[in-house]
């Protein structure tokens, strides 16, 4: 592999190869001690090499000086005259950098030498053991491959020793070749590490857009958690009510400023309670708990997030009051049930979420907050998993659109009963007794007590109008009742057919 003006590239001279990652002795101890041109570098020189290598390995592969420093090290402390970097792009070798302007070889000679190295997939060099006459004139080179993570050659380091007056060395010693190989392997490792770090960062960015950081950390170490599975989850659907009318009152830029602020606090409330964002839709969002990792208190976490969202809406509504004709209102529906969860997205966009009836129930409960005049509605399955200190108000049984089974619907009043006044506790208990009267067909008594309950101030906070209107409709004259029965066939069924827009 020696080239000069008198030695063509396709010379019959046998080149010397160093297998990548494998050490093999080419020079005998006798030869190394009888000829100074073959002698290995002394301990001081070796110490300088490895100190320089250690410093080089601390440089990030993304740094501007990464490749330039590798080329400099070929010359100092490596002892060669020139260092060059080649990259293989679309099967074409391209010179990228050099310690000085190269002019030793023609392009076809360079390509032939690089292709020879590529063919053998090894570090190759003009050994100092070659015939001295062949090394007397011209330039000796060492070429070492740069590999990617898959072991594919993507580039090469090139070092040169030139013959000139005063230079007693001829050819490349094996340890000098190994020095260049160490540098090329350090470059390979740096590039692989950089690629993995970039992939890791992209993956983490995608996961952080969907999952709380505590879940992301688990997913980074075990991506099998994203595989499809059937499990119990708690779902939260939240939507801003009367948003169409609201945004007609505002300039587009102002409307989106408000919407952005709302979505920010909704998202923060969900993430703070370790919820997984399913998606944003319309003027709201959907969140779930207990997937992909176990969360034993998933129902409680969802309710905490809902309470935080409502508190934020109240604060924003007060701050925006001068620009709004009506206060902001947020409807939230929460349901706990079994669903199929998994990632239906791609490598560029994760779309991890649930499928099944549980999703429909949670969405319908959110829609029911408007006619039922409640801010947070819960299903019976969710209420069952809340701690004893939580206070809910069972509103009634309803039949949700396109669903056969009746669902008991609850309003979330507080997660800490001590926060409510005695009057509030009494009001909630009185309302639930009226629900029991209605469900046992004692309509007249239920209607009477509902009328009395509506007169109380607390009915402004805990609405009774939905049930009151329904019971009143059932106690009208037969003619009126028959007209209502066309839409509400309720006389023998305590579950109210809920009509949602």
Protein backbone atom coordinates (compact mmCIF):
# COMPACT_ATOMS: atom_id res chain seq x y z
CA UNK A 1 0.00 0.00 0.00
CA UNK A 2 2.95 2.30 -0.69
CA UNK A 3 2.51 5.04 -3.25
CA UNK A 4 4.97 7.42 -4.86
CA UNK A 5 5.79 8.78 -8.26
CA UNK A 6 7.50 5.47 -9.03
CA UNK A 7 4.97 3.17 -7.37
CA UNK A 8 1.42 2.97 -8.76
CA UNK A 9 -1.52 2.36 -6.45
CA UNK A 10 -2.04 -1.14 -7.80
CA UNK A 11 1.50 -2.17 -6.88
CA UNK A 12 2.14 -5.76 -5.91
CA UNK A 13 3.54 -4.58 -2.57
CA UNK A 14 1.65 -6.39 0.20
CA UNK A 15 -0.10 -3.92 2.54
CA UNK A 16 -0.37 -4.38 6.29
CA UNK A 17 -3.77 -4.52 8.02
CA UNK A 18 -4.91 -4.08 11.60
CA UNK A 19 -8.23 -5.79 12.36
CA UNK A 20 -10.60 -3.33 14.00
CA UNK A 21 -10.65 -3.91 17.74
CA UNK A 22 -8.08 -6.73 17.58
CA UNK A 23 -4.37 -6.52 18.46
CA UNK A 24 -1.83 -8.56 16.55
CA UNK A 25 1.97 -8.35 16.70
CA UNK A 26 3.59 -7.74 13.32
CA UNK A 27 7.11 -6.81 14.48
CA UNK A 28 9.37 -9.20 16.40
CA UNK A 29 11.21 -8.06 19.52
CA UNK A 30 14.54 -8.67 17.76
CA UNK A 31 13.61 -6.35 14.91
CA UNK A 32 12.38 -3.67 17.30
CA UNK A 33 15.67 -3.67 19.25
CA UNK A 34 18.10 -3.83 16.32
CA UNK A 35 16.74 -0.99 14.19
CA UNK A 36 15.75 2.40 15.55
CA UNK A 37 13.27 3.01 12.73
CA UNK A 38 11.23 0.02 13.96
CA UNK A 39 11.46 0.85 17.66
CA UNK A 40 8.20 1.47 19.48
CA UNK A 41 7.61 4.83 21.15
CA UNK A 42 9.09 5.12 24.65
CA UNK A 43 6.98 5.23 27.81
CA UNK A 44 6.97 9.01 27.94
CA UNK A 45 5.62 9.15 24.40
CA UNK A 46 2.98 6.52 25.14
CA UNK A 47 1.94 8.40 28.26
CA UNK A 48 1.50 11.53 26.16
CA UNK A 49 -0.60 9.61 23.64
CA UNK A 50 -3.02 8.21 26.17
CA UNK A 51 -3.28 11.48 28.05
CA UNK A 52 -4.19 13.19 24.77
CA UNK A 53 -6.68 10.41 23.95
CA UNK A 54 -8.32 10.82 27.35
CA UNK A 55 -8.74 14.54 26.78
CA UNK A 56 -10.11 13.96 23.28
CA UNK A 57 -12.73 11.51 24.52
CA UNK A 58 -14.10 14.23 26.78
CA UNK A 59 -14.95 16.43 23.80
CA UNK A 60 -18.56 16.15 22.63
CA UNK A 61 -19.00 14.84 19.09
CA UNK A 62 -21.30 17.80 18.49
CA UNK A 63 -18.55 20.31 19.26
CA UNK A 64 -17.03 22.27 16.38
CA UNK A 65 -13.49 21.25 17.29
CA UNK A 66 -14.22 17.51 17.54
CA UNK A 67 -12.88 16.42 14.14
CA UNK A 68 -10.20 19.12 13.97
CA UNK A 69 -8.79 17.95 17.30
CA UNK A 70 -8.65 14.33 16.09
CA UNK A 71 -6.66 15.40 13.03
CA UNK A 72 -4.31 17.47 15.16
CA UNK A 73 -3.65 14.47 17.40
CA UNK A 74 -2.58 12.41 14.40
CA UNK A 75 0.31 14.84 14.04
CA UNK A 76 0.92 15.80 17.64
CA UNK A 77 1.54 13.62 19.60
CA UNK A 78 1.05 10.99 16.85
CA UNK A 79 4.18 12.04 14.98
CA UNK A 80 2.77 12.03 11.44
CA UNK A 81 2.96 15.00 9.10
CA UNK A 82 -0.67 15.30 8.01
CA UNK A 83 -4.09 14.27 9.29
CA UNK A 84 -7.18 14.12 7.09
CA UNK A 85 -10.85 13.27 7.50
CA UNK A 86 -12.93 11.58 4.81
CA UNK A 87 -16.67 10.87 4.91
CA UNK A 88 -18.47 8.32 2.77
CA UNK A 89 -21.62 9.92 1.31
CA UNK A 90 -23.80 8.03 -1.16
CA UNK A 91 -20.90 5.62 -1.84
CA UNK A 92 -18.57 8.52 -2.70
CA UNK A 93 -15.54 9.41 -0.59
CA UNK A 94 -15.35 13.13 0.15
CA UNK A 95 -12.47 14.93 1.85
CA UNK A 96 -13.85 17.02 4.72
CA UNK A 97 -10.95 18.42 6.74
CA UNK A 98 -7.15 18.34 6.83
CA UNK A 99 -4.42 19.74 9.04
CA UNK A 100 -2.89 21.31 5.92
CA UNK A 101 -3.72 21.50 2.24
CA UNK A 102 -3.20 17.96 0.90
CA UNK A 103 -1.44 17.63 -2.44
CA UNK A 104 0.30 14.29 -2.22
CA UNK A 105 -2.15 12.09 -4.10
CA UNK A 106 -4.37 12.42 -7.12
CA UNK A 107 -8.09 11.97 -6.48
CA UNK A 108 -8.16 8.54 -8.11
CA UNK A 109 -5.25 7.39 -5.95
CA UNK A 110 -6.97 8.59 -2.79
CA UNK A 111 -10.18 6.83 -3.76
CA UNK A 112 -8.33 3.61 -4.56
CA UNK A 113 -6.62 3.60 -1.17
CA UNK A 114 -9.87 4.36 0.67
CA UNK A 115 -11.74 1.66 -1.23
CA UNK A 116 -9.00 -0.83 -0.40
CA UNK A 117 -9.44 -0.02 3.30
CA UNK A 118 -13.21 -0.22 2.90
CA UNK A 119 -12.95 -3.61 1.22
CA UNK A 120 -10.86 -5.09 4.05
CA UNK A 121 -12.82 -3.21 6.75
CA UNK A 122 -9.58 -2.81 8.70
CA UNK A 123 -6.99 -0.21 9.52
CA UNK A 124 -4.30 -0.46 6.84
CA UNK A 125 -0.94 1.25 6.52
CA UNK A 126 2.43 1.31 4.77
CA UNK A 127 4.45 -0.67 7.27
CA UNK A 128 7.99 0.33 8.14
CA UNK A 129 8.85 -3.34 7.48
CA UNK A 130 8.39 -2.91 3.74
CA UNK A 131 11.36 -2.88 1.39
CA UNK A 132 13.41 0.25 2.16
CA UNK A 133 13.78 1.10 -1.49
CA UNK A 134 10.02 1.26 -1.82
CA UNK A 135 9.78 3.59 1.19
CA UNK A 136 12.71 5.79 0.24
CA UNK A 137 10.64 8.22 -1.80
CA UNK A 138 7.01 9.20 -1.70
CA UNK A 139 4.48 9.22 1.14
CA UNK A 140 3.35 6.46 3.48
CA UNK A 141 -0.21 6.52 4.78
CA UNK A 142 -2.37 4.93 7.44
CA UNK A 143 -6.15 4.77 6.98
CA UNK A 144 -8.56 3.70 9.71
CA UNK A 145 -12.34 3.31 9.30
CA UNK A 146 -14.99 5.26 11.21
CA UNK A 147 -18.06 3.13 11.92
CA UNK A 148 -21.66 3.86 12.84
CA UNK A 149 -23.78 2.00 15.39
CA UNK A 150 -24.55 -0.75 12.87
CA UNK A 151 -20.88 -1.32 12.08
CA UNK A 152 -21.14 0.34 8.67
CA UNK A 153 -18.16 2.39 7.48
CA UNK A 154 -19.19 6.05 7.26
CA UNK A 155 -15.78 7.71 7.14
CA UNK A 156 -12.05 7.34 7.62
CA UNK A 157 -9.09 8.94 9.37
CA UNK A 158 -6.04 9.36 7.16
CA UNK A 159 -2.49 9.99 8.40
CA UNK A 160 0.60 10.64 6.26
CA UNK A 161 4.36 10.34 6.74
CA UNK A 162 6.31 12.11 4.04
CA UNK A 163 9.89 11.45 3.03
CA UNK A 164 12.01 14.60 3.17
CA UNK A 165 15.50 15.67 4.16
CA UNK A 166 16.13 15.20 7.87
CA UNK A 167 13.31 12.70 8.39
CA UNK A 168 14.92 9.39 9.31
CA UNK A 169 11.64 7.48 9.53
CA UNK A 170 10.28 5.48 6.65
CA UNK A 171 6.78 4.02 6.58
CA UNK A 172 4.31 3.78 9.46
CA UNK A 173 5.14 1.87 12.61
CA UNK A 174 2.47 -0.46 13.94
CA UNK A 175 1.92 1.51 17.14
CA UNK A 176 1.57 4.68 15.11
CA UNK A 177 -1.08 2.93 13.04
CA UNK A 178 -2.77 1.80 16.21
CA UNK A 179 -2.76 5.38 17.47
CA UNK A 180 -4.71 6.47 14.39
CA UNK A 181 -6.99 3.48 14.91
CA UNK A 182 -7.62 4.50 18.52
CA UNK A 183 -8.55 7.98 17.32
CA UNK A 184 -10.93 6.61 14.67
CA UNK A 185 -12.54 4.33 17.24
CA UNK A 186 -12.91 7.29 19.61
CA UNK A 187 -14.61 9.22 16.81
CA UNK A 188 -16.90 6.25 16.12
CA UNK A 189 -17.80 5.99 19.79
CA UNK A 190 -18.41 9.73 20.02
CA UNK A 191 -20.68 9.77 16.98
CA UNK A 192 -22.60 6.72 18.18
CA UNK A 193 -23.00 8.28 21.62
CA UNK A 194 -24.16 11.54 20.04
CA UNK A 195 -26.70 9.69 17.88
CA UNK A 196 -28.01 7.80 20.89
CA UNK A 197 -28.22 11.00 22.95
CA UNK A 198 -30.11 12.76 20.17
CA UNK A 199 -32.47 9.79 19.80
CA UNK A 200 -32.89 9.70 23.57
CA UNK A 201 -33.64 13.44 23.64
CA UNK A 202 -36.17 13.18 20.79
CA UNK A 203 -37.88 10.24 22.45
CA UNK A 204 -37.99 12.01 25.80
CA UNK A 205 -39.40 15.14 24.16
CA UNK A 206 -42.18 13.09 22.56
CA UNK A 207 -42.95 11.31 25.83
CA UNK A 208 -42.88 14.52 27.87
CA UNK A 209 -45.59 15.95 25.62
CA UNK A 210 -47.93 13.15 26.71
CA UNK A 211 -46.75 11.69 30.02
CA UNK A 212 -45.75 13.16 33.38
CA UNK A 213 -42.00 13.08 34.00
CA UNK A 214 -42.25 10.27 36.54
CA UNK A 215 -43.92 8.06 33.91
CA UNK A 216 -41.48 9.18 31.19
CA UNK A 217 -38.55 7.95 33.28
CA UNK A 218 -40.12 4.51 33.51
CA UNK A 219 -40.92 4.43 29.79
CA UNK A 220 -37.35 5.36 28.86
CA UNK A 221 -36.11 2.26 30.66
CA UNK A 222 -38.99 -0.03 29.62
CA UNK A 223 -40.74 0.86 26.36
CA UNK A 224 -42.81 -2.34 26.59
CA UNK A 225 -45.12 -0.37 28.89
CA UNK A 226 -46.53 1.31 25.77
CA UNK A 227 -47.76 -1.99 24.35
CA UNK A 228 -51.52 -2.41 24.05
CA UNK A 229 -53.21 -3.79 27.15
CA UNK A 230 -56.64 -3.93 28.71
CA UNK A 231 -56.80 -2.37 32.15
CA UNK A 232 -58.90 -0.24 34.48
CA UNK A 233 -58.36 3.48 34.04
CA UNK A 234 -59.91 6.74 35.18
CA UNK A 235 -60.77 9.21 32.43
CA UNK A 236 -61.33 12.95 32.68
CA UNK A 237 -62.97 15.02 29.94
CA UNK A 238 -63.04 18.80 30.36
CA UNK A 239 -64.59 21.39 28.06
CA UNK A 240 -65.21 25.12 28.23
CA UNK A 241 -68.94 25.80 28.11
CA UNK A 242 -70.56 28.38 25.81
CA UNK A 243 -67.21 28.90 24.13
CA UNK A 244 -68.72 29.67 20.71
CA UNK A 245 -70.68 32.61 22.07
CA UNK A 246 -67.78 33.63 24.27
CA UNK A 247 -65.25 33.87 21.47
CA UNK A 248 -67.62 35.84 19.26
CA UNK A 249 -67.38 38.60 21.86
CA UNK A 250 -63.59 38.80 21.61
CA UNK A 251 -61.11 39.74 18.94
CA UNK A 252 -59.41 36.63 17.48
CA UNK A 253 -56.03 37.44 19.02
CA UNK A 254 -57.64 38.07 22.42
CA UNK A 255 -59.73 34.91 22.18
CA UNK A 256 -56.67 32.77 21.50
CA UNK A 257 -54.75 34.47 24.27
CA UNK A 258 -57.52 33.47 26.68
CA UNK A 259 -57.76 29.95 25.27
CA UNK A 260 -53.99 29.48 25.51
CA UNK A 261 -54.03 30.56 29.15
CA UNK A 262 -56.86 28.16 29.92
CA UNK A 263 -55.19 25.20 28.20
CA UNK A 264 -51.98 25.95 30.06
CA UNK A 265 -53.64 25.72 33.47
CA UNK A 266 -55.71 22.67 32.45
CA UNK A 267 -52.57 20.88 31.32
CA UNK A 268 -50.65 21.86 34.43
CA UNK A 269 -53.46 20.58 36.67
CA UNK A 270 -53.46 17.22 34.88
CA UNK A 271 -49.68 16.81 34.82
CA UNK A 272 -49.31 17.89 38.45
CA UNK A 273 -51.57 14.95 39.34
CA UNK A 274 -49.57 12.56 37.12
CA UNK A 275 -52.22 12.34 34.41
CA UNK A 276 -51.53 11.21 30.84
CA UNK A 277 -52.74 13.70 28.23
CA UNK A 278 -54.80 11.85 25.64
CA UNK A 279 -55.56 14.80 23.41
CA UNK A 280 -56.77 18.36 23.13
CA UNK A 281 -60.11 18.80 21.41
CA UNK A 282 -62.32 21.81 20.82
CA UNK A 283 -61.91 23.99 23.87
CA UNK A 284 -60.96 21.23 26.25
CA UNK A 285 -58.85 18.15 26.78
CA UNK A 286 -58.97 14.48 27.74
CA UNK A 287 -56.73 12.92 30.40
CA UNK A 288 -56.38 9.45 31.89
CA UNK A 289 -54.79 7.77 34.89
CA UNK A 290 -53.56 4.26 35.74
CA UNK A 291 -51.98 3.69 32.34
CA UNK A 292 -49.40 2.87 31.20
CA UNK A 293 -48.17 2.46 34.79
CA UNK A 294 -50.11 1.49 37.90
CA UNK A 295 -51.57 4.28 40.04
CA UNK A 296 -53.54 2.85 42.94
CA UNK A 297 -55.24 6.20 43.67
CA UNK A 298 -56.08 7.01 40.04
CA UNK A 299 -59.68 8.06 40.77
CA UNK A 300 -58.54 10.45 43.50
CA UNK A 301 -55.81 11.90 41.27
CA UNK A 302 -58.36 12.63 38.55
CA UNK A 303 -60.66 14.38 41.02
CA UNK A 304 -57.81 16.46 42.38
CA UNK A 305 -56.96 17.54 38.85
CA UNK A 306 -60.61 18.45 38.23
CA UNK A 307 -60.80 20.57 41.37
CA UNK A 308 -57.57 22.36 40.41
CA UNK A 309 -58.94 23.07 36.93
CA UNK A 310 -62.14 24.57 38.34
CA UNK A 311 -60.19 26.75 40.76
CA UNK A 312 -57.99 28.03 37.93
CA UNK A 313 -61.03 28.82 35.78
CA UNK A 314 -62.54 30.88 38.60
CA UNK A 315 -59.32 32.86 38.97
CA UNK A 316 -58.95 33.47 35.23
CA UNK A 317 -62.62 34.43 34.96
CA UNK A 318 -62.16 37.07 37.66
CA UNK A 319 -59.07 38.44 35.95
CA UNK A 320 -60.77 38.60 32.54
CA UNK A 321 -64.07 39.93 33.87
CA UNK A 322 -63.71 43.38 32.19
CA UNK A 323 -63.56 41.70 28.78
CA UNK A 324 -66.19 38.99 29.34
CA UNK A 325 -69.96 39.38 29.35
CA UNK A 326 -70.42 36.20 31.41
CA UNK A 327 -68.20 34.21 33.78
CA UNK A 328 -66.21 31.30 32.36
CA UNK A 329 -67.68 27.87 33.06
CA UNK A 330 -65.92 24.54 32.74
CA UNK A 331 -67.66 21.17 32.55
CA UNK A 332 -65.78 18.05 33.67
CA UNK A 333 -66.82 14.41 33.44
CA UNK A 334 -64.89 11.62 35.20
CA UNK A 335 -65.43 7.88 34.82
CA UNK A 336 -63.53 4.79 35.96
CA UNK A 337 -63.76 1.65 33.87
CA UNK A 338 -61.94 -0.92 31.80
CA UNK A 339 -60.49 0.13 28.46
CA UNK A 340 -58.01 -0.97 25.83
CA UNK A 341 -55.00 1.34 26.01
CA UNK A 342 -51.99 1.59 23.70
CA UNK A 343 -50.02 3.70 21.26
CA UNK A 344 -51.79 4.23 17.94
CA UNK A 345 -49.34 6.93 16.80
CA UNK A 346 -45.99 6.77 15.02
CA UNK A 347 -42.28 7.25 15.78
CA UNK A 348 -42.73 10.98 15.14
CA UNK A 349 -45.86 11.48 17.21
CA UNK A 350 -46.99 9.40 20.13
CA UNK A 351 -50.74 8.98 20.43
CA UNK A 352 -51.18 6.89 23.52
CA UNK A 353 -54.76 6.57 24.62
CA UNK A 354 -57.79 4.43 25.46
CA UNK A 355 -60.54 2.85 23.40
CA UNK A 356 -63.86 1.43 24.52
CA UNK A 357 -67.11 2.25 26.28
CA UNK A 358 -65.35 3.88 29.22
CA UNK A 359 -64.25 6.70 26.93
CA UNK A 360 -67.83 7.27 25.78
CA UNK A 361 -69.17 7.36 29.34
CA UNK A 362 -66.61 9.94 30.47
CA UNK A 363 -67.31 12.10 27.43
CA UNK A 364 -71.08 11.88 27.95
CA UNK A 365 -70.70 12.84 31.61
CA UNK A 366 -68.83 15.96 30.58
CA UNK A 367 -71.64 16.83 28.14
CA UNK A 368 -74.18 16.23 30.92
CA UNK A 369 -72.70 18.98 33.09
CA UNK A 370 -74.61 21.60 31.08
CA UNK A 371 -78.19 20.32 31.44
CA UNK A 372 -77.52 19.09 34.97
CA UNK A 373 -75.91 22.41 35.96
CA UNK A 374 -72.99 20.78 37.75
CA UNK A 375 -69.32 21.57 37.23
CA UNK A 376 -67.83 18.11 37.94
CA UNK A 377 -69.78 14.90 37.35
CA UNK A 378 -68.60 11.47 38.46
CA UNK A 379 -69.75 7.97 37.67
CA UNK A 380 -70.60 5.49 40.42
CA UNK A 381 -67.46 3.50 39.56
CA UNK A 382 -65.29 6.54 40.27
CA UNK A 383 -67.08 7.44 43.51
CA UNK A 384 -66.53 3.91 44.83
CA UNK A 385 -62.75 4.42 44.70
CA UNK A 386 -62.64 7.77 46.48
CA UNK A 387 -61.55 7.98 50.13
CA UNK A 388 -64.20 8.24 52.83
CA UNK A 389 -63.56 11.94 53.50
CA UNK A 390 -64.65 12.83 49.96
CA UNK A 391 -68.13 14.34 49.65
CA UNK A 392 -70.27 13.71 46.58
CA UNK A 393 -73.93 14.34 45.83
CA UNK A 394 -75.84 11.64 43.99
CA UNK A 395 -77.91 13.60 41.48
CA UNK A 396 -79.96 10.82 39.89
CA UNK A 397 -79.81 7.92 37.49
CA UNK A 398 -79.56 8.75 33.80
CA UNK A 399 -79.58 6.93 30.51
CA UNK A 400 -76.84 8.36 28.34
CA UNK A 401 -77.41 8.61 24.58
CA UNK A 402 -76.70 5.39 22.66
CA UNK A 403 -76.02 3.47 25.88
CA UNK A 404 -78.36 0.81 27.23
CA UNK A 405 -77.34 0.73 30.89
CA UNK A 406 -78.41 3.39 33.37
CA UNK A 407 -75.68 5.28 35.23
CA UNK A 408 -75.82 6.86 38.66
CA UNK A 409 -74.39 10.35 38.35
CA UNK A 410 -72.70 12.20 41.19
CA UNK A 411 -71.53 15.75 41.67
CA UNK A 412 -68.11 16.17 43.26
CA UNK A 413 -68.57 18.58 46.16
CA UNK A 414 -65.30 18.29 48.06
CA UNK A 415 -62.38 15.92 48.58
CA UNK A 416 -62.35 16.88 52.25
CA UNK A 417 -65.68 16.90 54.03
CA UNK A 418 -64.30 19.14 56.77
CA UNK A 419 -64.17 21.99 54.25
CA UNK A 420 -67.99 22.05 53.93
CA UNK A 421 -70.26 23.79 56.39
CA UNK A 422 -72.94 21.91 58.37
CA UNK A 423 -75.59 23.59 56.21
CA UNK A 424 -73.94 22.21 53.09
CA UNK A 425 -73.87 18.70 54.52
CA UNK A 426 -77.57 19.01 55.41
CA UNK A 427 -78.46 20.33 51.95
CA UNK A 428 -76.67 17.44 50.22
CA UNK A 429 -78.33 14.84 52.46
CA UNK A 430 -81.76 16.39 51.96
CA UNK A 431 -81.33 16.34 48.19
CA UNK A 432 -80.32 12.67 48.20
CA UNK A 433 -83.42 11.83 50.27
CA UNK A 434 -85.54 13.52 47.59
CA UNK A 435 -83.81 11.41 44.93
CA UNK A 436 -84.82 8.32 46.90
CA UNK A 437 -88.45 9.57 47.00
CA UNK A 438 -88.43 10.09 43.25
CA UNK A 439 -86.95 6.66 42.55
CA UNK A 440 -89.63 5.04 44.77
CA UNK A 441 -92.32 6.80 42.68
CA UNK A 442 -93.33 9.23 45.48
CA UNK A 443 -93.47 12.01 42.93
CA UNK A 444 -95.79 14.43 44.75
CA UNK A 445 -93.69 14.44 47.90
CA UNK A 446 -90.49 14.66 45.88
CA UNK A 447 -91.88 17.63 43.93
CA UNK A 448 -92.92 19.42 47.13
CA UNK A 449 -89.55 18.99 48.81
CA UNK A 450 -87.68 20.01 45.66
CA UNK A 451 -89.68 23.24 45.55
CA UNK A 452 -88.73 23.97 49.15
CA UNK A 453 -85.09 23.08 48.49
CA UNK A 454 -84.93 25.46 45.54
CA UNK A 455 -85.78 28.32 47.88
CA UNK A 456 -82.58 27.83 49.83
CA UNK A 457 -79.55 29.94 49.00
CA UNK A 458 -77.35 26.88 48.65
CA UNK A 459 -79.36 25.83 45.59
CA UNK A 460 -77.34 28.44 43.70
CA UNK A 461 -74.25 26.36 44.36
CA UNK A 462 -75.80 22.91 44.34
CA UNK A 463 -78.40 23.07 41.61
CA UNK A 464 -81.62 21.05 41.93
CA UNK A 465 -83.28 22.41 38.80
CA UNK A 466 -82.60 19.41 36.55
CA UNK A 467 -84.38 16.92 38.82
CA UNK A 468 -87.03 19.47 39.79
CA UNK A 469 -88.03 20.13 36.19
CA UNK A 470 -88.17 16.44 35.44
CA UNK A 471 -90.32 15.60 38.48
CA UNK A 472 -92.61 18.55 37.75
CA UNK A 473 -93.11 17.29 34.22
CA UNK A 474 -94.14 13.89 35.54
CA UNK A 475 -96.71 15.33 37.96
CA UNK A 476 -98.61 17.49 35.45
CA UNK A 477 -101.98 16.62 34.02
CA UNK A 478 -102.27 13.40 32.07
CA UNK A 479 -102.42 15.30 28.77
CA UNK A 480 -99.30 17.26 29.53
CA UNK A 481 -97.58 14.18 30.86
CA UNK A 482 -98.34 12.21 27.69
CA UNK A 483 -96.80 14.97 25.62
CA UNK A 484 -93.68 14.85 27.74
CA UNK A 485 -93.61 11.07 27.68
CA UNK A 486 -92.91 11.21 23.95
CA UNK A 487 -89.45 12.37 24.94
CA UNK A 488 -89.23 11.09 28.53
CA UNK A 489 -90.73 7.68 29.00
CA UNK A 490 -90.00 7.80 32.70
CA UNK A 491 -93.06 6.77 34.66
CA UNK A 492 -91.85 3.23 35.24
CA UNK A 493 -88.13 3.91 34.96
CA UNK A 494 -86.35 6.08 37.54
CA UNK A 495 -83.43 6.59 35.16
CA UNK A 496 -83.81 9.87 33.31
CA UNK A 497 -83.21 9.78 29.57
CA UNK A 498 -80.58 12.44 29.08
CA UNK A 499 -80.76 14.40 25.85
CA UNK A 500 -77.41 15.91 24.95
CA UNK A 501 -76.68 18.38 22.20
